[in-house]
All heavy atoms as atom14 arrays in JSON, in Angstrom:
{
  "sequence": "PKSEKMSEPKYQTLLKENMGAFKLDNNQGKVSIIAGEFNGIKGPAST",
  "atom14_mask": [
    [1, 1, 1, 1, 1, 1, 1, 0, 0, 0, 0, 0, 0, 0],
    [1, 1, 1, 1, 1, 1, 1, 1, 1, 0, 0, 0, 0, 0],
    [1, 1, 1, 1, 1, 1, 0, 0, 0, 0, 0, 0, 0, 0],
    [1, 1, 1, 1, 1, 1, 1, 1, 1, 0, 0, 0, 0, 0],
    [1, 1, 1, 1, 1, 1, 1, 1, 1, 0, 0, 0, 0, 0],
    [1, 1, 1, 1, 1, 1, 1, 1, 0, 0, 0, 0, 0, 0],
    [1, 1, 1, 1, 1, 1, 0, 0, 0, 0, 0, 0, 0, 0],
    [1, 1, 1, 1, 1, 1, 1, 1, 1, 0, 0, 0, 0, 0],
    [1, 1, 1, 1, 1, 1, 1, 0, 0, 0, 0, 0, 0, 0],
    [1, 1, 1, 1, 1, 1, 1, 1, 1, 0, 0, 0, 0, 0],
    [1, 1, 1, 1, 1, 1, 1, 1, 1, 1, 1, 1, 0, 0],
    [1, 1, 1, 1, 1, 1, 1, 1, 1, 0, 0, 0, 0, 0],
    [1, 1, 1, 1, 1, 1, 1, 0, 0, 0, 0, 0, 0, 0],
    [1, 1, 1, 1, 1, 1, 1, 1, 0, 0, 0, 0, 0, 0],
    [1, 1, 1, 1, 1, 1, 1, 1, 0, 0, 0, 0, 0, 0],
    [1, 1, 1, 1, 1, 1, 1, 1, 1, 0, 0, 0, 0, 0],
    [1, 1, 1, 1, 1, 1, 1, 1, 1, 0, 0, 0, 0, 0],
    [1, 1, 1, 1, 1, 1, 1, 1, 0, 0, 0, 0, 0, 0],
    [1, 1, 1, 1, 1, 1, 1, 1, 0, 0, 0, 0, 0, 0],
    [1, 1, 1, 1, 0, 0, 0, 0, 0, 0, 0, 0, 0, 0],
    [1, 1, 1, 1, 1, 0, 0, 0, 0, 0, 0, 0, 0, 0],
    [1, 1, 1, 1, 1, 1, 1, 1, 1, 1, 1, 0, 0, 0],
    [1, 1, 1, 1, 1, 1, 1, 1, 1, 0, 0, 0, 0, 0],
    [1, 1, 1, 1, 1, 1, 1, 1, 0, 0, 0, 0, 0, 0],
    [1, 1, 1, 1, 1, 1, 1, 1, 0, 0, 0, 0, 0, 0],
    [1, 1, 1, 1, 1, 1, 1, 1, 0, 0, 0, 0, 0, 0],
    [1, 1, 1, 1, 1, 1, 1, 1, 0, 0, 0, 0, 0, 0],
    [1, 1, 1, 1, 1, 1, 1, 1, 1, 0, 0, 0, 0, 0],
    [1, 1, 1, 1, 0, 0, 0, 0, 0, 0, 0, 0, 0, 0],
    [1, 1, 1, 1, 1, 1, 1, 1, 1, 0, 0, 0, 0, 0],
    [1, 1, 1, 1, 1, 1, 1, 0, 0, 0, 0, 0, 0, 0],
    [1, 1, 1, 1, 1, 1, 0, 0, 0, 0, 0, 0, 0, 0],
    [1, 1, 1, 1, 1, 1, 1, 1, 0, 0, 0, 0, 0, 0],
    [1, 1, 1, 1, 1, 1, 1, 1, 0, 0, 0, 0, 0, 0],
    [1, 1, 1, 1, 1, 0, 0, 0, 0, 0, 0, 0, 0, 0],
    [1, 1, 1, 1, 0, 0, 0, 0, 0, 0, 0, 0, 0, 0],
    [1, 1, 1, 1, 1, 1, 1, 1, 1, 0, 0, 0, 0, 0],
    [1, 1, 1, 1, 1, 1, 1, 1, 1, 1, 1, 0, 0, 0],
    [1, 1, 1, 1, 1, 1, 1, 1, 0, 0, 0, 0, 0, 0],
    [1, 1, 1, 1, 0, 0, 0, 0, 0, 0, 0, 0, 0, 0],
    [1, 1, 1, 1, 1, 1, 1, 1, 0, 0, 0, 0, 0, 0],
    [1, 1, 1, 1, 1, 1, 1, 1, 1, 0, 0, 0, 0, 0],
    [1, 1, 1, 1, 0, 0, 0, 0, 0, 0, 0, 0, 0, 0],
    [1, 1, 1, 1, 1, 1, 1, 0, 0, 0, 0, 0, 0, 0],
    [1, 1, 1, 1, 1, 0, 0, 0, 0, 0, 0, 0, 0, 0],
    [1, 1, 1, 1, 1, 1, 0, 0, 0, 0, 0, 0, 0, 0],
    [1, 1, 1, 1, 1, 1, 1, 0, 0, 0, 0, 0, 0, 0]
  ],
  "atom14_positions": [
    [[57.81, 106.96, 97.66], [57.89, 105.51, 97.86], [58.7, 104.88, 96.73], [58.69, 105.38, 95.59], [56.42, 105.07, 97.82], [55.63, 106.29, 98.12], [56.42, 107.44, 97.58], [0.0, 0.0, 0.0], [0.0, 0.0, 0.0], [0.0, 0.0, 0.0], [0.0, 0.0, 0.0], [0.0, 0.0, 0.0], [0.0, 0.0, 0.0], [0.0, 0.0, 0.0]],
    [[59.37, 103.79, 97.03], [60.21, 103.12, 96.03], [59.44, 102.83, 94.75], [59.97, 102.98, 93.63], [60.76, 101.82, 96.62], [61.73, 101.08, 95.73], [62.28, 99.84, 96.43], [63.25, 99.08, 95.53], [63.79, 97.87, 96.23], [0.0, 0.0, 0.0], [0.0, 0.0, 0.0], [0.0, 0.0, 0.0], [0.0, 0.0, 0.0], [0.0, 0.0, 0.0]],
    [[58.19, 102.45, 94.89], [57.39, 102.07, 93.72], [57.03, 103.26, 92.83], [56.59, 103.09, 91.69], [56.1, 101.4, 94.18], [55.33, 102.27, 94.98], [0.0, 0.0, 0.0], [0.0, 0.0, 0.0], [0.0, 0.0, 0.0], [0.0, 0.0, 0.0], [0.0, 0.0, 0.0], [0.0, 0.0, 0.0], [0.0, 0.0, 0.0], [0.0, 0.0, 0.0]],
    [[57.22, 104.49, 93.34], [56.81, 105.68, 92.6], [57.98, 106.54, 92.12], [57.78, 107.57, 91.5], [55.88, 106.55, 93.47], [54.64, 105.85, 93.98], [53.68, 105.48, 92.88], [53.85, 105.98, 91.74], [52.74, 104.7, 93.14], [0.0, 0.0, 0.0], [0.0, 0.0, 0.0], [0.0, 0.0, 0.0], [0.0, 0.0, 0.0], [0.0, 0.0, 0.0]],
    [[59.2, 106.1, 92.43], [60.36, 106.94, 92.12], [60.57, 107.17, 90.62], [61.17, 108.16, 90.23], [61.63, 106.36, 92.76], [61.72, 106.61, 94.26], [63.05, 106.16, 94.81], [63.15, 106.48, 96.31], [63.29, 107.92, 96.55], [0.0, 0.0, 0.0], [0.0, 0.0, 0.0], [0.0, 0.0, 0.0], [0.0, 0.0, 0.0], [0.0, 0.0, 0.0]],
    [[60.08, 106.28, 89.79], [60.23, 106.45, 88.35], [58.93, 106.91, 87.69], [58.74, 106.78, 86.48], [60.72, 105.15, 87.71], [62.13, 104.75, 88.15], [63.35, 106.06, 87.87], [63.39, 106.06, 86.06], [0.0, 0.0, 0.0], [0.0, 0.0, 0.0], [0.0, 0.0, 0.0], [0.0, 0.0, 0.0], [0.0, 0.0, 0.0], [0.0, 0.0, 0.0]],
    [[58.03, 107.49, 88.49], [56.8, 108.04, 87.94], [57.1, 109.26, 87.08], [58.2, 109.84, 87.14], [55.85, 108.45, 89.08], [55.48, 107.33, 89.85], [0.0, 0.0, 0.0], [0.0, 0.0, 0.0], [0.0, 0.0, 0.0], [0.0, 0.0, 0.0], [0.0, 0.0, 0.0], [0.0, 0.0, 0.0], [0.0, 0.0, 0.0], [0.0, 0.0, 0.0]],
    [[56.12, 109.67, 86.3], [56.26, 110.88, 85.47], [56.31, 112.12, 86.38], [55.47, 112.28, 87.27], [55.07, 110.98, 84.51], [55.13, 112.16, 83.56], [56.24, 112.05, 82.53], [56.73, 110.92, 82.3], [56.6, 113.09, 81.95], [0.0, 0.0, 0.0], [0.0, 0.0, 0.0], [0.0, 0.0, 0.0], [0.0, 0.0, 0.0], [0.0, 0.0, 0.0]],
    [[57.28, 112.99, 86.17], [57.34, 114.23, 86.97], [56.08, 115.08, 86.77], [55.46, 115.04, 85.71], [58.58, 114.94, 86.43], [59.41, 113.87, 85.8], [58.42, 112.89, 85.25], [0.0, 0.0, 0.0], [0.0, 0.0, 0.0], [0.0, 0.0, 0.0], [0.0, 0.0, 0.0], [0.0, 0.0, 0.0], [0.0, 0.0, 0.0], [0.0, 0.0, 0.0]],
    [[55.75, 115.87, 87.78], [54.61, 116.78, 87.65], [54.8, 117.98, 88.58], [55.71, 118.0, 89.42], [53.29, 116.08, 87.95], [53.12, 115.6, 89.39], [51.75, 114.96, 89.57], [51.52, 114.56, 91.02], [50.15, 114.02, 91.23], [0.0, 0.0, 0.0], [0.0, 0.0, 0.0], [0.0, 0.0, 0.0], [0.0, 0.0, 0.0], [0.0, 0.0, 0.0]],
    [[53.93, 118.96, 88.42], [54.04, 120.2, 89.17], [52.65, 120.7, 89.55], [51.72, 120.65, 88.73], [54.77, 121.26, 88.32], [54.83, 122.63, 88.95], [55.81, 122.94, 89.87], [53.89, 123.6, 88.62], [55.86, 124.22, 90.45], [53.93, 124.86, 89.19], [54.92, 125.16, 90.1], [54.96, 126.41, 90.67], [0.0, 0.0, 0.0], [0.0, 0.0, 0.0]],
    [[52.5, 121.17, 90.78], [51.23, 121.71, 91.24], [51.44, 123.11, 91.82], [52.29, 123.29, 92.7], [50.62, 120.83, 92.33], [50.39, 119.38, 91.95], [50.01, 118.52, 93.14], [48.89, 118.62, 93.64], [50.92, 117.69, 93.6], [0.0, 0.0, 0.0], [0.0, 0.0, 0.0], [0.0, 0.0, 0.0], [0.0, 0.0, 0.0], [0.0, 0.0, 0.0]],
    [[50.7, 124.08, 91.31], [50.63, 125.4, 91.95], [49.39, 125.4, 92.82], [48.27, 125.32, 92.31], [50.55, 126.53, 90.91], [51.74, 126.52, 90.1], [50.45, 127.88, 91.59], [0.0, 0.0, 0.0], [0.0, 0.0, 0.0], [0.0, 0.0, 0.0], [0.0, 0.0, 0.0], [0.0, 0.0, 0.0], [0.0, 0.0, 0.0], [0.0, 0.0, 0.0]],
    [[49.58, 125.51, 94.12], [48.46, 125.45, 95.07], [48.26, 126.85, 95.65], [49.09, 127.33, 96.43], [48.76, 124.44, 96.18], [49.17, 123.04, 95.71], [49.6, 122.19, 96.89], [48.02, 122.37, 94.96], [0.0, 0.0, 0.0], [0.0, 0.0, 0.0], [0.0, 0.0, 0.0], [0.0, 0.0, 0.0], [0.0, 0.0, 0.0], [0.0, 0.0, 0.0]],
    [[47.19, 127.52, 95.25], [46.96, 128.9, 95.65], [46.23, 128.98, 96.99], [45.44, 128.1, 97.35], [46.16, 129.63, 94.58], [46.83, 129.69, 93.19], [45.92, 130.41, 92.21], [48.19, 130.36, 93.28], [0.0, 0.0, 0.0], [0.0, 0.0, 0.0], [0.0, 0.0, 0.0], [0.0, 0.0, 0.0], [0.0, 0.0, 0.0], [0.0, 0.0, 0.0]],
    [[46.5, 130.06, 97.7], [45.95, 130.27, 99.04], [44.44, 130.09, 99.09], [43.9, 129.46, 99.99], [46.34, 131.68, 99.51], [45.83, 132.05, 100.89], [46.26, 133.47, 101.26], [45.74, 133.86, 102.63], [46.18, 135.23, 103.0], [0.0, 0.0, 0.0], [0.0, 0.0, 0.0], [0.0, 0.0, 0.0], [0.0, 0.0, 0.0], [0.0, 0.0, 0.0]],
    [[43.76, 130.64, 98.07], [42.29, 130.61, 98.09], [41.73, 129.21, 97.88], [40.54, 128.97, 98.11], [41.72, 131.57, 97.04], [42.18, 131.32, 95.63], [43.36, 132.18, 95.22], [44.17, 132.54, 96.11], [43.48, 132.48, 94.02], [0.0, 0.0, 0.0], [0.0, 0.0, 0.0], [0.0, 0.0, 0.0], [0.0, 0.0, 0.0], [0.0, 0.0, 0.0]],
    [[42.57, 128.27, 97.42], [42.09, 126.91, 97.19], [42.44, 125.95, 98.33], [42.11, 124.76, 98.25], [42.67, 126.38, 95.88], [42.19, 127.16, 94.68], [41.05, 127.64, 94.66], [43.04, 127.33, 93.68], [0.0, 0.0, 0.0], [0.0, 0.0, 0.0], [0.0, 0.0, 0.0], [0.0, 0.0, 0.0], [0.0, 0.0, 0.0], [0.0, 0.0, 0.0]],
    [[43.12, 126.46, 99.35], [43.48, 125.6, 100.49], [42.23, 125.25, 101.3], [41.28, 126.04, 101.37], [44.49, 126.3, 101.41], [45.79, 126.67, 100.74], [46.74, 125.24, 100.17], [48.14, 126.08, 99.41], [0.0, 0.0, 0.0], [0.0, 0.0, 0.0], [0.0, 0.0, 0.0], [0.0, 0.0, 0.0], [0.0, 0.0, 0.0], [0.0, 0.0, 0.0]],
    [[42.27, 124.09, 101.93], [41.23, 123.79, 102.9], [41.34, 124.75, 104.07], [42.45, 125.16, 104.44], [0.0, 0.0, 0.0], [0.0, 0.0, 0.0], [0.0, 0.0, 0.0], [0.0, 0.0, 0.0], [0.0, 0.0, 0.0], [0.0, 0.0, 0.0], [0.0, 0.0, 0.0], [0.0, 0.0, 0.0], [0.0, 0.0, 0.0], [0.0, 0.0, 0.0]],
    [[40.23, 125.15, 104.66], [40.27, 126.13, 105.75], [39.4, 125.66, 106.91], [38.27, 125.22, 106.71], [39.8, 127.49, 105.26], [0.0, 0.0, 0.0], [0.0, 0.0, 0.0], [0.0, 0.0, 0.0], [0.0, 0.0, 0.0], [0.0, 0.0, 0.0], [0.0, 0.0, 0.0], [0.0, 0.0, 0.0], [0.0, 0.0, 0.0], [0.0, 0.0, 0.0]],
    [[39.95, 125.78, 108.12], [39.2, 125.41, 109.32], [39.43, 126.46, 110.39], [40.57, 126.77, 110.74], [39.66, 124.04, 109.85], [38.9, 123.55, 111.05], [37.7, 122.86, 110.9], [39.36, 123.8, 112.33], [36.99, 122.42, 112.0], [38.65, 123.36, 113.45], [37.46, 122.67, 113.28], [0.0, 0.0, 0.0], [0.0, 0.0, 0.0], [0.0, 0.0, 0.0]],
    [[38.33, 127.05, 110.89], [38.44, 128.05, 111.96], [38.32, 127.35, 113.3], [37.39, 126.56, 113.53], [37.34, 129.1, 111.81], [37.54, 130.02, 110.61], [36.5, 131.14, 110.59], [36.73, 132.08, 109.42], [35.73, 133.17, 109.39], [0.0, 0.0, 0.0], [0.0, 0.0, 0.0], [0.0, 0.0, 0.0], [0.0, 0.0, 0.0], [0.0, 0.0, 0.0]],
    [[39.28, 127.62, 114.17], [39.27, 127.01, 115.49], [38.19, 127.63, 116.36], [37.82, 128.8, 116.18], [40.64, 127.16, 116.15], [41.81, 126.52, 115.39], [43.13, 126.86, 116.07], [41.63, 125.0, 115.31], [0.0, 0.0, 0.0], [0.0, 0.0, 0.0], [0.0, 0.0, 0.0], [0.0, 0.0, 0.0], [0.0, 0.0, 0.0], [0.0, 0.0, 0.0]],
    [[37.7, 126.85, 117.33], [36.65, 127.32, 118.23], [37.11, 128.55, 119.01], [38.31, 128.73, 119.29], [36.25, 126.22, 119.21], [35.55, 125.06, 118.52], [35.01, 125.27, 117.4], [35.54, 123.94, 119.08], [0.0, 0.0, 0.0], [0.0, 0.0, 0.0], [0.0, 0.0, 0.0], [0.0, 0.0, 0.0], [0.0, 0.0, 0.0], [0.0, 0.0, 0.0]],
    [[36.15, 129.38, 119.36], [36.39, 130.54, 120.23], [37.41, 131.51, 119.64], [38.16, 132.16, 120.37], [36.84, 130.09, 121.62], [35.82, 129.18, 122.29], [34.61, 129.45, 122.25], [36.3, 128.1, 122.89], [0.0, 0.0, 0.0], [0.0, 0.0, 0.0], [0.0, 0.0, 0.0], [0.0, 0.0, 0.0], [0.0, 0.0, 0.0], [0.0, 0.0, 0.0]],
    [[37.43, 131.59, 118.31], [38.31, 132.55, 117.63], [39.77, 132.4, 118.03], [40.51, 133.38, 118.17], [37.83, 133.98, 117.92], [38.38, 134.99, 116.93], [38.61, 134.66, 115.76], [38.61, 136.2, 117.38], [0.0, 0.0, 0.0], [0.0, 0.0, 0.0], [0.0, 0.0, 0.0], [0.0, 0.0, 0.0], [0.0, 0.0, 0.0], [0.0, 0.0, 0.0]],
    [[40.22, 131.13, 118.22], [41.59, 130.89, 118.65], [42.6, 130.94, 117.5], [43.8, 131.03, 117.73], [41.7, 129.53, 119.33], [40.94, 129.42, 120.64], [41.17, 128.09, 121.32], [42.06, 127.94, 122.14], [40.38, 127.11, 120.96], [0.0, 0.0, 0.0], [0.0, 0.0, 0.0], [0.0, 0.0, 0.0], [0.0, 0.0, 0.0], [0.0, 0.0, 0.0]],
    [[42.11, 130.88, 116.27], [43.01, 130.9, 115.12], [42.41, 130.11, 113.98], [41.21, 129.79, 113.97], [0.0, 0.0, 0.0], [0.0, 0.0, 0.0], [0.0, 0.0, 0.0], [0.0, 0.0, 0.0], [0.0, 0.0, 0.0], [0.0, 0.0, 0.0], [0.0, 0.0, 0.0], [0.0, 0.0, 0.0], [0.0, 0.0, 0.0], [0.0, 0.0, 0.0]],
    [[43.24, 129.77, 113.01], [42.74, 129.03, 111.86], [43.81, 128.08, 111.33], [45.01, 128.27, 111.55], [42.29, 129.99, 110.75], [43.37, 130.91, 110.24], [42.82, 131.87, 109.2], [43.9, 132.82, 108.69], [43.38, 133.76, 107.67], [0.0, 0.0, 0.0], [0.0, 0.0, 0.0], [0.0, 0.0, 0.0], [0.0, 0.0, 0.0], [0.0, 0.0, 0.0]],
    [[43.35, 127.06, 110.63], [44.23, 126.06, 110.04], [44.01, 126.07, 108.53], [42.87, 125.95, 108.06], [43.95, 124.65, 110.6], [44.88, 123.62, 109.95], [44.1, 124.63, 112.12], [0.0, 0.0, 0.0], [0.0, 0.0, 0.0], [0.0, 0.0, 0.0], [0.0, 0.0, 0.0], [0.0, 0.0, 0.0], [0.0, 0.0, 0.0], [0.0, 0.0, 0.0]],
    [[45.1, 126.21, 107.78], [45.06, 126.1, 106.33], [45.61, 124.73, 105.96], [46.75, 124.41, 106.29], [45.89, 127.22, 105.69], [45.94, 127.08, 104.29], [0.0, 0.0, 0.0], [0.0, 0.0, 0.0], [0.0, 0.0, 0.0], [0.0, 0.0, 0.0], [0.0, 0.0, 0.0], [0.0, 0.0, 0.0], [0.0, 0.0, 0.0], [0.0, 0.0, 0.0]],
    [[44.8, 123.92, 105.3], [45.19, 122.54, 104.99], [45.76, 122.48, 103.58], [45.06, 122.73, 102.6], [44.0, 121.57, 105.13], [43.41, 121.64, 106.54], [44.44, 120.15, 104.81], [42.17, 122.5, 106.66], [0.0, 0.0, 0.0], [0.0, 0.0, 0.0], [0.0, 0.0, 0.0], [0.0, 0.0, 0.0], [0.0, 0.0, 0.0], [0.0, 0.0, 0.0]],
    [[47.06, 122.16, 103.49], [47.74, 122.06, 102.2], [47.59, 120.65, 101.64], [47.24, 120.45, 100.49], [49.23, 122.42, 102.35], [49.38, 123.86, 102.84], [49.99, 122.18, 101.04], [50.78, 124.21, 103.29], [0.0, 0.0, 0.0], [0.0, 0.0, 0.0], [0.0, 0.0, 0.0], [0.0, 0.0, 0.0], [0.0, 0.0, 0.0], [0.0, 0.0, 0.0]],
    [[47.9, 119.66, 102.48], [47.82, 118.25, 102.09], [47.21, 117.45, 103.22], [47.35, 117.8, 104.39], [49.21, 117.72, 101.74], [0.0, 0.0, 0.0], [0.0, 0.0, 0.0], [0.0, 0.0, 0.0], [0.0, 0.0, 0.0], [0.0, 0.0, 0.0], [0.0, 0.0, 0.0], [0.0, 0.0, 0.0], [0.0, 0.0, 0.0], [0.0, 0.0, 0.0]],
    [[46.56, 116.36, 102.86], [45.95, 115.53, 103.89], [44.61, 116.1, 104.34], [43.87, 116.69, 103.55], [0.0, 0.0, 0.0], [0.0, 0.0, 0.0], [0.0, 0.0, 0.0], [0.0, 0.0, 0.0], [0.0, 0.0, 0.0], [0.0, 0.0, 0.0], [0.0, 0.0, 0.0], [0.0, 0.0, 0.0], [0.0, 0.0, 0.0], [0.0, 0.0, 0.0]],
    [[44.35, 115.96, 105.63], [43.01, 116.29, 106.15], [43.11, 116.81, 107.57], [43.98, 116.41, 108.34], [42.15, 115.02, 106.11], [40.71, 115.21, 106.51], [39.9, 113.92, 106.35], [40.18, 113.16, 105.39], [39.0, 113.68, 107.17], [0.0, 0.0, 0.0], [0.0, 0.0, 0.0], [0.0, 0.0, 0.0], [0.0, 0.0, 0.0], [0.0, 0.0, 0.0]],
    [[42.22, 117.72, 107.91], [42.11, 118.24, 109.28], [40.64, 118.39, 109.61], [39.92, 119.14, 108.94], [42.83, 119.59, 109.42], [42.83, 120.15, 110.83], [43.84, 119.83, 111.71], [41.8, 120.97, 111.27], [43.85, 120.33, 113.01], [41.79, 121.48, 112.57], [42.82, 121.16, 113.42], [0.0, 0.0, 0.0], [0.0, 0.0, 0.0], [0.0, 0.0, 0.0]],
    [[40.18, 117.65, 110.63], [38.78, 117.7, 111.06], [37.81, 117.55, 109.88], [36.82, 118.27, 109.77], [38.49, 119.0, 111.81], [38.94, 118.93, 113.26], [39.74, 118.08, 113.63], [38.44, 119.83, 114.08], [0.0, 0.0, 0.0], [0.0, 0.0, 0.0], [0.0, 0.0, 0.0], [0.0, 0.0, 0.0], [0.0, 0.0, 0.0], [0.0, 0.0, 0.0]],
    [[38.13, 116.63, 108.99], [37.25, 116.32, 107.88], [37.4, 117.22, 106.67], [36.75, 116.99, 105.65], [0.0, 0.0, 0.0], [0.0, 0.0, 0.0], [0.0, 0.0, 0.0], [0.0, 0.0, 0.0], [0.0, 0.0, 0.0], [0.0, 0.0, 0.0], [0.0, 0.0, 0.0], [0.0, 0.0, 0.0], [0.0, 0.0, 0.0], [0.0, 0.0, 0.0]],
    [[38.28, 118.22, 106.75], [38.5, 119.13, 105.62], [39.81, 118.76, 104.95], [40.85, 118.64, 105.61], [38.53, 120.6, 106.08], [37.18, 120.97, 106.69], [38.88, 121.53, 104.92], [37.13, 122.36, 107.26], [0.0, 0.0, 0.0], [0.0, 0.0, 0.0], [0.0, 0.0, 0.0], [0.0, 0.0, 0.0], [0.0, 0.0, 0.0], [0.0, 0.0, 0.0]],
    [[39.77, 118.58, 103.64], [40.94, 118.11, 102.9], [41.67, 119.26, 102.22], [41.07, 120.28, 101.85], [40.52, 117.07, 101.86], [39.98, 115.79, 102.48], [39.65, 114.76, 101.41], [39.15, 113.46, 102.04], [38.84, 112.44, 101.01], [0.0, 0.0, 0.0], [0.0, 0.0, 0.0], [0.0, 0.0, 0.0], [0.0, 0.0, 0.0], [0.0, 0.0, 0.0]],
    [[42.98, 119.07, 102.04], [43.79, 120.02, 101.3], [43.83, 119.66, 99.83], [43.52, 118.53, 99.44], [0.0, 0.0, 0.0], [0.0, 0.0, 0.0], [0.0, 0.0, 0.0], [0.0, 0.0, 0.0], [0.0, 0.0, 0.0], [0.0, 0.0, 0.0], [0.0, 0.0, 0.0], [0.0, 0.0, 0.0], [0.0, 0.0, 0.0], [0.0, 0.0, 0.0]],
    [[44.26, 120.59, 98.96], [44.21, 120.36, 97.52], [45.38, 119.57, 96.94], [45.32, 119.13, 95.8], [44.23, 121.79, 96.95], [45.01, 122.57, 97.97], [44.64, 121.96, 99.3], [0.0, 0.0, 0.0], [0.0, 0.0, 0.0], [0.0, 0.0, 0.0], [0.0, 0.0, 0.0], [0.0, 0.0, 0.0], [0.0, 0.0, 0.0], [0.0, 0.0, 0.0]],
    [[46.46, 119.38, 97.7], [47.65, 118.72, 97.14], [47.39, 117.26, 96.83], [46.8, 116.52, 97.63], [48.83, 118.83, 98.11], [0.0, 0.0, 0.0], [0.0, 0.0, 0.0], [0.0, 0.0, 0.0], [0.0, 0.0, 0.0], [0.0, 0.0, 0.0], [0.0, 0.0, 0.0], [0.0, 0.0, 0.0], [0.0, 0.0, 0.0], [0.0, 0.0, 0.0]],
    [[47.84, 116.84, 95.66], [47.85, 115.42, 95.29], [49.18, 114.83, 95.72], [50.24, 115.32, 95.31], [47.67, 115.29, 93.77], [47.87, 113.96, 93.35], [0.0, 0.0, 0.0], [0.0, 0.0, 0.0], [0.0, 0.0, 0.0], [0.0, 0.0, 0.0], [0.0, 0.0, 0.0], [0.0, 0.0, 0.0], [0.0, 0.0, 0.0], [0.0, 0.0, 0.0]],
    [[49.15, 113.82, 96.59], [50.39, 113.28, 97.17], [50.51, 111.78, 96.94], [49.52, 111.09, 96.77], [50.45, 113.56, 98.68], [49.5, 112.71, 99.36], [50.12, 115.01, 99.0], [0.0, 0.0, 0.0], [0.0, 0.0, 0.0], [0.0, 0.0, 0.0], [0.0, 0.0, 0.0], [0.0, 0.0, 0.0], [0.0, 0.0, 0.0], [0.0, 0.0, 0.0]]
  ]
}
């Protein structure tokens, strides 16, 4: 966003084991949440 373009730079290492995890019904697959939210489970990224 325009208001954040001059913010202090930063870096995030987001490891697989720290991702949000959601298993789909009936063993259909899984969702790994990096940023934001999925079915109430949040990802670790600061955005």
